[in-house]
Amino acid sequence: MVDIVKVEENEDFPKEIPRDEFIDFLHHHLGQYGDKKVDIKKAVDYAFSDEEGKGGFVLIALNNDKVVGGVVINDTGMSGYIPQHILVYITTHEDYRGKGVGTNLLKRVFNECLGDVALHVEYDNPAVKLYEKVGFKSKYAEMRYKQKDT
C-alpha cells in the first residue's frame, strides 16, 4: 500500500524522509532526465516560497516509510496563456515503475492543483506514455536560447 504525503513547507517533511534525502531520491531516480541536486533544491525552495507569484508543493509516495515516488510542483503565478502550475519533477523508484505509483501521483497532483498543469519532457523519455495516458497533450515544442557565460 502506497501512501502519498503532501508537503507545503520544510517543516512538513516526514521525519523518516528529511528534505535532503528527498532531494537525493529525486536526483538518483530521475537519472538521465534529471538535473543537478542544486537545481532540484531550487525547485523545492520555490515551491515553499511565500513570495507573491511563487509557491507550490511536494508530494512524497511512501511504502512502509520508504520513499517510492516524488513530485515537485511550482506555481507560475499566471493563468490562461501560461498554466498556473508546472510539474517540475516526478519520478518513481525503479522497483515501483509500472505499478501505478506515477499514475497515482499524477492524479493527486490534479486534485491538489487549481488550474492547468504543464510539464517539460524530453521526447525520448518513456514517461511520455504515462503523461499522455492521464491526459497531457503536447501543445508546443520548447526551444531555449542559452546565454554565453561571461
Protein backbone atom coordinates (compact mmCIF):
# COMPACT_ATOMS: atom_id res chain seq x y z
CA MET A 1 0.00 0.00 0.00
CA VAL A 2 1.44 3.35 -1.08
CA ASP A 3 0.56 6.49 0.85
CA ILE A 4 1.00 9.94 -0.67
CA VAL A 5 2.02 12.76 1.67
CA LYS A 6 1.68 16.43 0.69
CA VAL A 7 4.45 18.75 1.88
CA GLU A 8 3.93 22.51 1.73
CA GLU A 9 6.89 23.72 3.80
CA ASN A 10 10.19 22.38 5.06
CA GLU A 11 8.75 21.57 8.49
CA ASP A 12 6.15 19.25 6.92
CA PHE A 13 8.67 16.67 5.65
CA PRO A 14 8.04 13.35 7.40
CA LYS A 15 10.75 12.51 9.95
CA GLU A 16 11.51 9.28 8.06
CA ILE A 17 12.31 11.27 4.90
CA PRO A 18 14.07 14.57 5.57
CA ARG A 19 14.21 17.18 2.82
CA ASP A 20 17.80 16.41 1.78
CA GLU A 21 17.02 12.70 1.46
CA PHE A 22 14.01 13.53 -0.71
CA ILE A 23 16.21 15.68 -2.97
CA ASP A 24 18.74 12.82 -3.13
CA PHE A 25 15.91 10.44 -4.06
CA LEU A 26 14.74 12.69 -6.89
CA HIS A 27 18.28 13.19 -8.18
CA HIS A 28 19.02 9.47 -8.18
CA HIS A 29 15.75 8.23 -9.67
CA LEU A 30 15.34 10.95 -12.30
CA GLY A 31 18.55 9.61 -13.80
CA GLN A 32 19.41 10.93 -17.23
CA TYR A 33 16.21 13.02 -17.28
CA GLY A 34 17.05 14.90 -14.09
CA ASP A 35 19.03 17.92 -13.06
CA LYS A 36 21.80 18.70 -10.62
CA LYS A 37 20.89 18.48 -6.93
CA VAL A 38 21.36 22.24 -6.58
CA ASP A 39 18.66 22.81 -9.22
CA ILE A 40 16.27 20.32 -7.62
CA LYS A 41 16.82 22.14 -4.33
CA LYS A 42 15.93 25.46 -6.04
CA ALA A 43 12.64 23.97 -7.29
CA VAL A 44 11.77 22.78 -3.76
CA ASP A 45 12.72 26.21 -2.33
CA TYR A 46 10.48 27.86 -4.95
CA ALA A 47 7.59 25.53 -4.03
CA PHE A 48 7.87 26.60 -0.39
CA SER A 49 8.32 30.31 -1.10
CA ASP A 50 5.94 32.85 0.41
CA GLU A 51 6.81 35.44 -2.27
CA GLU A 52 3.90 36.65 -4.37
CA GLY A 53 3.56 34.62 -7.57
CA LYS A 54 5.61 31.73 -6.21
CA GLY A 55 4.68 28.63 -4.26
CA GLY A 56 3.69 25.07 -4.87
CA PHE A 57 4.12 21.79 -3.05
CA VAL A 58 5.84 18.43 -2.91
CA LEU A 59 4.23 15.00 -2.94
CA ILE A 60 6.01 12.00 -1.49
CA ALA A 61 4.83 8.44 -2.18
CA LEU A 62 5.71 6.15 0.73
CA ASN A 63 5.52 2.39 1.08
CA ASN A 64 6.21 1.31 4.68
CA ASP A 65 8.09 4.58 5.34
CA LYS A 66 10.27 4.04 2.24
CA VAL A 67 10.14 6.68 -0.49
CA VAL A 68 8.92 5.14 -3.74
CA GLY A 69 7.97 8.30 -5.63
CA GLY A 70 8.06 12.06 -5.58
CA VAL A 71 6.74 15.19 -7.25
CA VAL A 72 7.67 18.87 -7.15
CA ILE A 73 5.04 21.38 -8.31
CA ASN A 74 5.83 25.06 -8.79
CA ASP A 75 3.12 27.68 -9.15
CA THR A 76 3.65 30.14 -12.00
CA GLY A 77 1.53 33.00 -10.72
CA MET A 78 -0.09 33.15 -14.18
CA SER A 79 -3.07 31.67 -15.98
CA GLY A 80 -4.51 31.37 -19.44
CA TYR A 81 -1.52 31.93 -21.67
CA ILE A 82 0.72 30.04 -19.24
CA PRO A 83 -0.65 27.30 -16.95
CA GLN A 84 -0.96 28.09 -13.24
CA HIS A 85 1.29 25.16 -12.26
CA ILE A 86 4.35 23.43 -13.63
CA LEU A 87 5.19 19.88 -12.75
CA VAL A 88 8.94 20.33 -12.37
CA TYR A 89 9.89 16.81 -11.24
CA ILE A 90 8.17 13.47 -10.98
CA THR A 91 9.82 10.11 -10.55
CA THR A 92 9.30 6.70 -9.02
CA HIS A 93 11.77 4.24 -7.56
CA GLU A 94 12.88 1.87 -10.32
CA ASP A 95 11.46 -1.11 -8.38
CA TYR A 96 7.99 0.51 -8.45
CA ARG A 97 7.78 1.64 -12.07
CA GLY A 98 4.81 0.27 -13.97
CA LYS A 99 2.91 -0.41 -10.74
CA GLY A 100 0.66 2.65 -10.68
CA VAL A 101 2.73 4.89 -8.40
CA GLY A 102 3.29 7.52 -11.10
CA THR A 103 -0.35 7.45 -12.15
CA ASN A 104 -1.48 7.89 -8.54
CA LEU A 105 0.96 10.75 -8.02
CA LEU A 106 -0.37 12.49 -11.14
CA LYS A 107 -4.00 12.01 -10.06
CA ARG A 108 -3.13 13.57 -6.70
CA VAL A 109 -1.40 16.47 -8.49
CA PHE A 110 -4.58 17.14 -10.47
CA ASN A 111 -6.66 17.03 -7.28
CA GLU A 112 -4.34 19.44 -5.46
CA CYS A 113 -3.88 21.97 -8.27
CA LEU A 114 -6.44 24.62 -9.04
CA GLY A 115 -5.94 25.32 -12.71
CA ASP A 116 -3.89 23.90 -15.54
CA VAL A 117 -0.64 21.95 -15.14
CA ALA A 118 2.25 21.94 -17.60
CA LEU A 119 5.40 19.86 -17.73
CA HIS A 120 8.52 19.65 -19.85
CA VAL A 121 9.59 16.22 -21.03
CA GLU A 122 12.26 15.02 -23.39
CA TYR A 123 10.89 13.28 -26.47
CA ASP A 124 12.74 10.02 -25.72
CA ASN A 125 11.60 9.80 -22.10
CA PRO A 126 9.48 6.64 -21.67
CA ALA A 127 7.27 8.54 -19.20
CA VAL A 128 5.68 10.35 -22.17
CA LYS A 129 3.27 7.41 -22.48
CA LEU A 130 2.15 7.86 -18.86
CA TYR A 131 1.65 11.60 -19.32
CA GLU A 132 -0.46 11.04 -22.44
CA LYS A 133 -2.44 8.28 -20.70
CA VAL A 134 -3.52 10.64 -17.91
CA GLY A 135 -4.47 13.43 -20.29
CA PHE A 136 -1.43 15.59 -21.03
CA LYS A 137 -1.32 16.86 -24.62
CA SER A 138 1.70 18.17 -26.50
CA LYS A 139 0.96 21.77 -27.36
CA TYR A 140 4.37 23.29 -28.11
CA ALA A 141 7.94 22.32 -28.67
CA GLU A 142 10.07 24.20 -26.18
CA MET A 143 13.10 25.96 -27.54
CA ARG A 144 15.73 27.67 -25.40
CA TYR A 145 18.40 30.20 -26.07
CA LYS A 146 21.30 29.79 -23.67
CA GLN A 147 23.29 32.92 -22.86
CA LYS A 148 27.03 32.51 -23.11
CA ASP A 149 28.88 32.54 -19.82
CA THR A 150 30.50 35.90 -19.25
